[in-house]
Protein backbone atom coordinates (compact mmCIF):
# COMPACT_ATOMS: atom_id res chain seq x y z
CA UNK A 1 40.64 -21.70 -9.40
CA UNK A 2 38.47 -20.26 -5.79
CA UNK A 3 39.45 -16.67 -5.77
CA UNK A 4 38.28 -16.37 -9.52
CA UNK A 5 35.00 -18.63 -8.65
CA UNK A 6 34.37 -15.96 -5.76
CA UNK A 7 35.57 -12.96 -7.76
CA UNK A 8 32.88 -13.90 -10.38
CA UNK A 9 29.96 -14.40 -7.48
CA UNK A 10 31.20 -11.06 -5.88
CA UNK A 11 30.80 -9.85 -9.61
CA UNK A 12 27.49 -10.92 -10.39
CA UNK A 13 26.05 -10.05 -6.56
CA UNK A 14 26.90 -6.48 -7.57
CA UNK A 15 25.70 -6.37 -10.91
CA UNK A 16 22.43 -7.91 -9.79
CA UNK A 17 22.13 -5.61 -6.52
CA UNK A 18 23.39 -2.86 -9.44
CA UNK A 19 20.43 -3.84 -12.36
CA UNK A 20 17.42 -3.92 -8.92
CA UNK A 21 19.18 -0.14 -8.12
CA UNK A 22 18.46 1.17 -11.56
CA UNK A 23 15.01 -0.58 -12.28
CA UNK A 24 13.91 0.27 -9.10
CA UNK A 25 14.90 4.27 -10.14
CA UNK A 26 13.62 4.06 -13.84
CA UNK A 27 10.91 2.96 -12.32
CA UNK A 28 10.93 6.35 -10.44
CA UNK A 29 11.82 7.68 -13.17
CA UNK A 30 9.14 6.44 -16.23
CA UNK A 31 6.52 8.08 -13.75
CA UNK A 32 7.84 10.34 -11.08
CA UNK A 33 4.57 9.99 -8.96
CA UNK A 34 5.68 6.75 -7.71
CA UNK A 35 7.42 9.34 -5.77
CA UNK A 36 4.11 10.18 -4.18
CA UNK A 37 4.60 7.16 -1.95
CA UNK A 38 1.10 6.32 0.27
CA UNK A 39 -0.20 9.01 -1.81
CA UNK A 40 0.18 7.51 -4.89
CA UNK A 41 -3.21 6.38 -6.59
CA UNK A 42 -3.54 3.03 -7.57
CA UNK A 43 -1.60 2.13 -11.09
CA UNK A 44 -3.35 -0.11 -13.24
CA UNK A 45 -0.51 -1.88 -15.06
CA UNK A 46 -1.13 -4.59 -17.49
CA UNK A 47 0.26 -7.16 -15.71
CA UNK A 48 1.44 -10.56 -17.33
CA UNK A 49 0.13 -13.58 -15.06
CA UNK A 50 2.08 -17.03 -14.90
CA UNK A 51 -0.21 -19.72 -16.16
CA UNK A 52 -0.77 -21.89 -13.42
CA UNK A 53 1.60 -25.86 -13.86
CA UNK A 54 -0.92 -28.30 -15.82
CA UNK A 55 -3.90 -29.86 -13.87
CA UNK A 56 -4.23 -26.67 -11.53
CA UNK A 57 -7.30 -24.95 -11.41
CA UNK A 58 -7.91 -21.88 -8.64
CA UNK A 59 -10.96 -22.14 -6.75
CA UNK A 60 -10.63 -19.88 -3.61
CA UNK A 61 -8.80 -16.03 -3.28
CA UNK A 62 -8.08 -14.59 -0.19
CA UNK A 63 -7.56 -10.56 0.58
CA UNK A 64 -6.52 -7.79 2.44
CA UNK A 65 -7.26 -4.49 0.03
CA UNK A 66 -6.30 -0.79 1.57
CA UNK A 67 -9.13 1.48 0.63
CA UNK A 68 -9.14 3.73 -1.89
CA UNK A 69 -8.14 7.59 -2.61
CA UNK A 70 -9.15 10.04 0.21
CA UNK A 71 -9.18 13.53 1.45
CA UNK A 72 -6.09 13.96 3.38
CA UNK A 73 -6.38 12.03 6.25
CA UNK A 74 -6.65 15.26 8.73
CA UNK A 75 -8.69 18.16 8.99
CA UNK A 76 -5.24 20.06 10.29
CA UNK A 77 -3.62 20.53 7.16
CA UNK A 78 -6.80 22.11 5.49
CA UNK A 79 -7.24 24.48 8.58
CA UNK A 80 -3.37 25.41 8.62
CA UNK A 81 -3.35 26.47 5.48
CA UNK A 82 -6.04 27.67 4.92
CA UNK A 83 -4.73 30.25 8.09
CA UNK A 84 -1.67 30.91 6.31
CA UNK A 85 -2.28 32.02 2.90
CA UNK A 86 -4.48 33.87 4.87
CA UNK A 87 -2.56 36.18 6.62
CA UNK A 88 0.06 35.86 3.48
CA UNK A 89 -3.42 37.63 1.18
CA UNK A 90 -3.83 39.80 3.90
CA UNK A 91 -0.03 40.91 4.13
CA UNK A 92 0.68 40.96 0.53
CA UNK A 93 3.64 38.45 0.83
CA UNK A 94 1.94 36.50 -2.02
CA UNK A 95 3.69 35.79 -4.56
CA UNK A 96 1.64 36.05 -7.97
CA UNK A 97 1.87 32.11 -8.36
CA UNK A 98 0.72 31.73 -5.12
CA UNK A 99 -2.28 34.72 -5.17
CA UNK A 100 -3.53 32.09 -8.44
CA UNK A 101 -3.20 29.43 -5.71
CA UNK A 102 -4.64 31.31 -2.87
CA UNK A 103 -7.60 31.50 -5.38
CA UNK A 104 -7.94 28.19 -6.02
CA UNK A 105 -7.74 27.21 -2.92
CA UNK A 106 -10.21 29.08 -1.05
CA UNK A 107 -12.81 28.32 -3.81
CA UNK A 108 -12.54 24.56 -2.66
CA UNK A 109 -11.34 24.82 1.15
CA UNK A 110 -14.68 24.08 2.00
CA UNK A 111 -15.16 20.53 0.40
CA UNK A 112 -11.70 20.12 1.58
CA UNK A 113 -12.73 20.52 5.61
CA UNK A 114 -15.85 18.53 4.78
CA UNK A 115 -14.49 15.75 2.79
CA UNK A 116 -11.67 15.07 5.25
CA UNK A 117 -10.46 11.53 5.06
CA UNK A 118 -13.39 10.21 3.41
CA UNK A 119 -13.33 8.12 -0.24
CA UNK A 120 -13.33 10.31 -3.38
CA UNK A 121 -15.28 8.86 -6.17
CA UNK A 122 -11.43 8.05 -7.88
CA UNK A 123 -11.41 5.71 -4.40
CA UNK A 124 -14.85 4.14 -5.40
CA UNK A 125 -13.73 3.28 -8.67
CA UNK A 126 -10.08 2.36 -7.55
CA UNK A 127 -12.49 -0.73 -6.36
CA UNK A 128 -14.84 -1.83 -8.40
CA UNK A 129 -12.24 -1.57 -11.50
CA UNK A 130 -9.57 -3.90 -9.43
CA UNK A 131 -12.97 -6.24 -8.82
CA UNK A 132 -13.65 -6.17 -12.26
CA UNK A 133 -9.73 -6.98 -12.73
CA UNK A 134 -9.68 -10.08 -10.66
CA UNK A 135 -13.32 -11.64 -12.09
CA UNK A 136 -11.63 -11.90 -15.10
CA UNK A 137 -8.13 -12.98 -14.26
CA UNK A 138 -9.83 -16.03 -12.68
CA UNK A 139 -13.33 -16.78 -13.66
CA UNK A 140 -13.10 -20.21 -12.91
CA UNK A 141 -13.44 -18.99 -8.81
CA UNK A 142 -16.63 -17.26 -9.33
CA UNK A 143 -18.37 -18.34 -12.71
CA UNK A 144 -20.13 -20.67 -10.83
CA UNK A 145 -21.48 -17.78 -8.21
CA UNK A 146 -20.69 -19.00 -4.81
CA UNK A 147 -20.58 -17.11 -1.21
CA UNK A 148 -18.30 -14.73 -0.49
CA UNK A 149 -17.41 -13.07 2.95
CA UNK A 150 -15.80 -9.26 3.24
CA UNK A 151 -15.26 -7.24 5.86
CA UNK A 152 -13.45 -4.02 6.73
CA UNK A 153 -12.21 -1.75 9.81
CA UNK A 154 -14.84 0.52 11.86
CA UNK A 155 -13.62 3.79 8.89
CA UNK A 156 -16.36 5.14 5.71
CA UNK A 157 -13.78 4.97 3.33
CA UNK A 158 -12.77 1.33 4.21
CA UNK A 159 -17.31 -0.13 4.27
CA UNK A 160 -17.66 2.40 1.05
CA UNK A 161 -14.41 0.82 -0.46
CA UNK A 162 -15.83 -2.69 -0.04
CA UNK A 163 -19.52 -1.96 -0.73
CA UNK A 164 -17.29 -1.24 -4.60
CA UNK A 165 -15.84 -3.83 -4.15
CA UNK A 166 -18.77 -6.39 -3.81
CA UNK A 167 -21.23 -4.34 -6.14
CA UNK A 168 -19.07 -5.00 -8.52
CA UNK A 169 -18.24 -8.69 -8.36
CA UNK A 170 -22.05 -9.23 -8.19
CA UNK A 171 -22.44 -7.39 -11.58
CA UNK A 172 -20.20 -9.83 -12.77
CA UNK A 173 -21.91 -11.63 -11.58
CA UNK A 174 -25.20 -11.91 -10.21
CA UNK A 175 -25.20 -16.01 -8.37
CA UNK A 176 -21.61 -14.60 -6.41
CA UNK A 177 -23.42 -14.00 -2.78
CA UNK A 178 -21.93 -11.98 -0.79
CA UNK A 179 -21.94 -11.08 3.39
CA UNK A 180 -20.76 -7.56 4.29
CA UNK A 181 -19.31 -6.99 7.61
CA UNK A 182 -17.88 -4.10 9.46
CA UNK A 183 -17.83 -4.46 12.44
CA UNK A 184 -16.02 -5.20 16.74
CA UNK A 185 -16.83 -8.96 15.83
CA UNK A 186 -14.48 -8.93 12.84
CA UNK A 187 -11.53 -6.17 13.77
CA UNK A 188 -8.72 -8.77 14.36
CA UNK A 189 -9.01 -10.00 10.14
CA UNK A 190 -8.75 -6.02 9.46
CA UNK A 191 -7.65 -3.62 12.23
CA UNK A 192 -6.28 -5.80 15.21
CA UNK A 193 -4.97 -2.60 16.86
CA UNK A 194 -8.49 -0.40 16.82
CA UNK A 195 -8.96 0.36 20.45
CA UNK A 196 -12.31 -0.95 19.75
CA UNK A 197 -11.08 -4.57 18.89
CA UNK A 198 -12.00 -6.93 21.83
CA UNK A 199 -9.63 -8.73 21.69
CA UNK A 200 -5.84 -6.74 23.00
CA UNK A 201 -2.94 -7.85 21.44
CA UNK A 202 0.78 -6.70 22.66
CA UNK A 203 3.02 -7.79 20.19
CA UNK A 204 7.10 -6.47 19.70
CA UNK A 205 7.95 -3.12 17.97
CA UNK A 206 10.99 -3.38 16.43
CA UNK A 207 13.87 -1.20 14.51
CA UNK A 208 15.24 -2.18 11.08
CA UNK A 209 18.74 -2.55 10.73
CA UNK A 210 19.41 0.44 8.80
CA UNK A 211 18.62 2.77 11.06
CA UNK A 212 21.98 2.91 12.90
CA UNK A 213 23.95 3.34 9.79
CA UNK A 214 21.37 6.21 9.02
CA UNK A 215 23.30 8.99 9.44
CA UNK A 216 25.94 7.49 7.08
CA UNK A 217 24.19 8.28 4.00
CA UNK A 218 23.05 11.87 3.15
CA UNK A 219 20.07 12.85 0.26
CA UNK A 220 19.45 16.52 -1.38
CA UNK A 221 15.91 17.50 1.74
CA UNK A 222 16.08 20.97 -0.24
CA UNK A 223 12.41 20.79 -2.02
CA UNK A 224 10.34 22.41 1.49
CA UNK A 225 13.48 25.35 0.85
CA UNK A 226 12.93 25.74 -2.62
CA UNK A 227 9.43 26.03 -2.69
CA UNK A 228 8.58 29.12 -0.52
CA UNK A 229 10.05 31.82 -2.74
CA UNK A 230 7.43 29.89 -5.36
CA UNK A 231 4.06 31.09 -3.14
CA UNK A 232 5.70 33.54 -0.54
CA UNK A 233 7.42 37.55 -0.50
CA UNK A 234 8.23 36.89 2.98
CA UNK A 235 6.69 34.33 5.20
CA UNK A 236 7.78 36.43 8.22
CA UNK A 237 5.54 37.46 10.64
CA UNK A 238 2.94 33.93 8.67
CA UNK A 239 2.08 31.05 11.38
CA UNK A 240 4.33 27.48 11.17
CA UNK A 241 7.58 27.44 10.47
CA UNK A 242 8.69 27.36 7.32
CA UNK A 243 9.74 22.84 7.47
CA UNK A 244 6.61 22.86 7.96
CA UNK A 245 4.69 24.95 5.79
CA UNK A 246 6.96 23.41 3.17
CA UNK A 247 5.63 19.75 4.08
CA UNK A 248 2.41 20.84 4.25
CA UNK A 249 2.31 22.48 0.80
CA UNK A 250 4.12 19.21 -0.59
CA UNK A 251 1.55 16.28 1.70
CA UNK A 252 -1.16 18.82 -0.57
CA UNK A 253 0.13 18.62 -4.07
CA UNK A 254 0.12 14.84 -3.32
CA UNK A 255 -3.05 14.78 -2.78
CA UNK A 256 -4.30 16.69 -4.66
CA UNK A 257 -5.17 13.85 -8.00
CA UNK A 258 -7.15 11.35 -5.34
CA UNK A 259 -9.63 14.95 -4.71
CA UNK A 260 -10.35 15.86 -8.18
CA UNK A 261 -7.69 19.47 -7.76
CA UNK A 262 -4.67 19.01 -9.95
CA UNK A 263 -3.63 22.10 -11.06
CA UNK A 264 -4.79 23.53 -8.06
CA UNK A 265 -1.38 24.30 -7.27
CA UNK A 266 -0.07 25.51 -10.62
CA UNK A 267 3.95 24.85 -11.27
CA UNK A 268 4.86 25.48 -7.41
CA UNK A 269 5.65 21.44 -6.89
CA UNK A 270 6.75 19.00 -9.49
CA UNK A 271 6.00 15.51 -10.18
CA UNK A 272 9.64 15.18 -10.98
CA UNK A 273 10.56 17.13 -7.51
CA UNK A 274 9.06 15.13 -5.75
CA UNK A 275 10.57 12.00 -7.26
CA UNK A 276 13.96 13.76 -6.27
CA UNK A 277 13.69 12.93 -3.00
CA UNK A 278 11.47 9.89 -2.77
CA UNK A 279 14.43 7.42 -1.46
CA UNK A 280 14.72 9.79 1.46
CA UNK A 281 10.69 9.43 2.11
CA UNK A 282 11.09 5.48 1.62
CA UNK A 283 13.98 4.74 3.85
CA UNK A 284 11.70 7.08 6.49
CA UNK A 285 8.21 4.91 5.73
CA UNK A 286 10.69 1.35 5.55
CA UNK A 287 10.97 1.90 10.01
CA UNK A 288 7.14 3.27 10.44
CA UNK A 289 6.37 -0.06 8.44
CA UNK A 290 8.71 -2.52 9.61
CA UNK A 291 8.37 -1.68 12.90
CA UNK A 292 4.96 -2.51 13.49
CA UNK A 293 4.62 -5.66 10.96
CA UNK A 294 4.09 -8.42 13.54
CA UNK A 295 0.96 -6.01 14.87
CA UNK A 296 -0.02 -7.35 11.50
CA UNK A 297 -0.22 -11.51 12.96
CA UNK A 298 -3.95 -11.48 13.65
CA UNK A 299 -4.38 -10.81 10.01
CA UNK A 300 -1.83 -13.56 8.99
CA UNK A 301 -3.43 -15.80 11.07
CA UNK A 302 -7.27 -15.06 9.43
CA UNK A 303 -5.47 -15.46 5.94
CA UNK A 304 -4.08 -18.67 7.60
CA UNK A 305 -7.25 -20.07 9.24
CA UNK A 306 -9.72 -19.39 6.72
CA UNK A 307 -8.05 -20.61 3.60
CA UNK A 308 -7.47 -23.73 5.48
CA UNK A 309 -11.27 -23.95 6.21
CA UNK A 310 -11.73 -23.51 2.17
CA UNK A 311 -9.72 -25.87 1.13
CA UNK A 312 -11.16 -28.68 3.78
CA UNK A 313 -13.91 -27.55 3.24
CA UNK A 314 -15.84 -26.17 6.62
CA UNK A 315 -15.96 -22.84 5.11
CA UNK A 316 -18.12 -22.59 1.23
CA UNK A 317 -16.47 -19.28 0.47
CA UNK A 318 -14.40 -18.95 -2.62
CA UNK A 319 -12.89 -15.83 -1.53
CA UNK A 320 -13.28 -14.12 1.84
CA UNK A 321 -11.84 -10.42 1.62
CA UNK A 322 -10.80 -7.46 3.54
CA UNK A 323 -11.20 -4.31 3.99
CA UNK A 324 -8.52 -1.85 6.08
CA UNK A 325 -5.48 1.11 5.72
CA UNK A 326 -1.74 1.20 5.02
CA UNK A 327 -1.64 1.24 8.43
CA UNK A 328 -2.20 -3.02 8.03
CA UNK A 329 -1.63 -3.40 4.47
CA UNK A 330 2.07 -1.74 4.98
CA UNK A 331 3.07 -4.27 8.11
CA UNK A 332 1.22 -7.39 6.68
CA UNK A 333 3.63 -7.02 3.99
CA UNK A 334 6.54 -7.16 5.62
CA UNK A 335 5.72 -9.70 8.32
CA UNK A 336 4.69 -11.74 4.66
CA UNK A 337 8.12 -10.32 2.86
CA UNK A 338 6.51 -9.99 -0.57
CA UNK A 339 9.49 -8.87 -2.67
CA UNK A 340 11.83 -9.36 -0.13
CA UNK A 341 10.49 -6.68 2.21
CA UNK A 342 11.40 -8.41 5.72
CA UNK A 343 15.17 -8.49 4.75
CA UNK A 344 16.53 -5.50 6.47
CA UNK A 345 19.10 -5.06 4.82
CA UNK A 346 21.80 -2.25 7.31
CA UNK A 347 22.23 -0.03 3.98
CA UNK A 348 19.87 2.07 3.50
CA UNK A 349 20.52 2.40 -0.20
CA UNK A 350 19.92 -1.19 -0.73
CA UNK A 351 16.05 -0.46 1.24
CA UNK A 352 14.69 0.54 -1.23
CA UNK A 353 15.27 -2.46 -3.74
CA UNK A 354 13.27 -4.45 -1.11
CA UNK A 355 10.96 -1.86 -0.49
CA UNK A 356 8.48 1.06 -2.34
CA UNK A 357 6.63 3.13 -0.27
CA UNK A 358 4.23 3.40 -3.79
CA UNK A 359 3.36 -0.35 -2.89
CA UNK A 360 1.09 0.75 -0.37
CA UNK A 361 -0.72 3.26 -2.24
CA UNK A 362 -4.31 4.11 -2.65
CA UNK A 363 -6.74 0.91 -2.58
CA UNK A 364 -3.08 -1.12 -2.70
CA UNK A 365 -3.78 -5.02 -2.10
CA UNK A 366 -2.63 -8.13 -1.64
CA UNK A 367 -4.14 -11.65 -3.34
CA UNK A 368 -3.74 -15.28 -2.84
CA UNK A 369 -4.58 -17.45 -5.18
CA UNK A 370 -5.58 -20.80 -4.32
CA UNK A 371 -4.84 -23.33 -7.16
CA UNK A 372 -6.62 -27.45 -6.55
CA UNK A 373 -4.68 -29.64 -8.38
CA UNK A 374 -5.86 -33.89 -9.59
CA UNK A 375 -5.42 -35.00 -5.04
CA UNK A 376 -7.59 -32.44 -3.97
CA UNK A 377 -6.88 -30.85 0.17
CA UNK A 378 -3.30 -32.49 -0.17
CA UNK A 379 -2.70 -30.82 -3.71
CA UNK A 380 -3.05 -27.54 -3.24
CA UNK A 381 -0.63 -24.68 -4.65
CA UNK A 382 -0.86 -20.94 -3.60
CA UNK A 383 -0.43 -17.38 -5.72
CA UNK A 384 0.33 -14.12 -4.63
CA UNK A 385 -0.27 -10.59 -6.51
CA UNK A 386 0.67 -7.32 -4.61
CA UNK A 387 -1.23 -4.28 -6.43
CA UNK A 388 -2.00 -7.27 -9.43
CA UNK A 389 1.35 -8.31 -9.70
CA UNK A 390 2.99 -11.85 -9.10
CA UNK A 391 4.94 -11.33 -5.83
CA UNK A 392 7.96 -13.14 -4.83
CA UNK A 393 7.58 -15.49 -0.89
CA UNK A 394 10.27 -15.80 1.38
CA UNK A 395 8.66 -19.49 1.54
CA UNK A 396 10.79 -22.90 -0.43
CA UNK A 397 10.11 -23.40 -4.33
CA UNK A 398 10.59 -25.01 -7.06
CA UNK A 399 7.98 -23.28 -9.10
CA UNK A 400 7.98 -19.92 -8.32
CA UNK A 401 5.54 -17.93 -8.71
CA UNK A 402 3.44 -20.64 -7.50
CA UNK A 403 4.14 -22.50 -3.74
CA UNK A 404 2.83 -25.23 -2.50
CA UNK A 405 -0.42 -24.83 0.47
CA UNK A 406 1.71 -27.34 2.76
CA UNK A 407 4.69 -24.75 2.77
CA UNK A 408 3.51 -21.86 2.56
CA UNK A 409 0.74 -22.82 5.86
CA UNK A 410 3.86 -24.37 8.00
CA UNK A 411 6.52 -21.40 6.90
CA UNK A 412 3.53 -18.32 7.77
CA UNK A 413 2.35 -20.46 10.62
CA UNK A 414 5.92 -20.98 12.41
CA UNK A 415 6.43 -16.44 12.04
CA UNK A 416 3.23 -15.99 13.45
CA UNK A 417 4.01 -17.94 16.15
CA UNK A 418 7.84 -17.19 16.77
CA UNK A 419 6.61 -13.18 17.75
CA UNK A 420 3.52 -14.15 19.82
CA UNK A 421 3.89 -13.25 23.16
């Protein structure tokens, strides 16, 4: 009997793992642009939210968001492509597709170089829409107006993302009073690692376990080589090695929807080709967000402290909003274990089931919604949304997706304290 039960459990676990694999890969198949990873523009899905338990009403929201869509983060990409394409054009080493791409790139290059790292119109609109959805989803929090504190990193794209979000909230209800702040005083709550932060931290960096087995799996990683003949008749004598040239072309391609230049590269690359290499790129992303997860502890502590103040009445905020970067939101996702992001599997093939880099997309955000029951400060529930979808937490609960505040607070306080130097 024990053998039968053990066998059944094994089958169930295997089926569960298979279902998760299909689910993640099916999402990618349905929307190949998810293969862009953290370059993916924010998806506006019609999420169906679970109704709160009877007697509980939302009263406070705590939030962390990445800035919206922007031009590429470094001017090096645009400069290198300018030099490369100009040289190839002069040496007659471009295919017809390459010449078409060259013409379109040259027509836009001044805009690209000027706009580097700045928020685009799409980035502004993303945060406007997210703010309105938040307002409509939780009208009880905002209908009477009230005070909101919004803080942003010192980066202009984060400040503008904050402004877009806050302006939209006030458009929804002019009774909302919002204090917007971007200063060194508040960096601990948005970008603790900023060199201008007067509070200095030293947190351990860690390696995910799958890296020990990375060489046991292989993926098709030939896209860089495949696309070169579509652009160049030859790369001989051109600046940059073929691998780097291919990487630059892919990086430009995945940035185009965010900057309003879709079609610039014609059929040189397709979304499906980007998606075909997603699992390999996702492994790199997991290492990137897993390693510095403890650097997000000050952000999580800011969330806990401000929520505690809102609950006990020492703060009158109806919401606390934060606008930062993927370099913080990704590690925060792992630190909090959203949807199993802290699982740290040994098998590289399992990584995709606990973290998908498209969750750290442009304008990605975490929303913690606090609900008060009939017994005041001792009767609080918390629900977490990741990019508007209900997320699971590693906190024990019998009411998923709702968690008792006391359990939530203790779990994450203990997690923070156990990893502080």
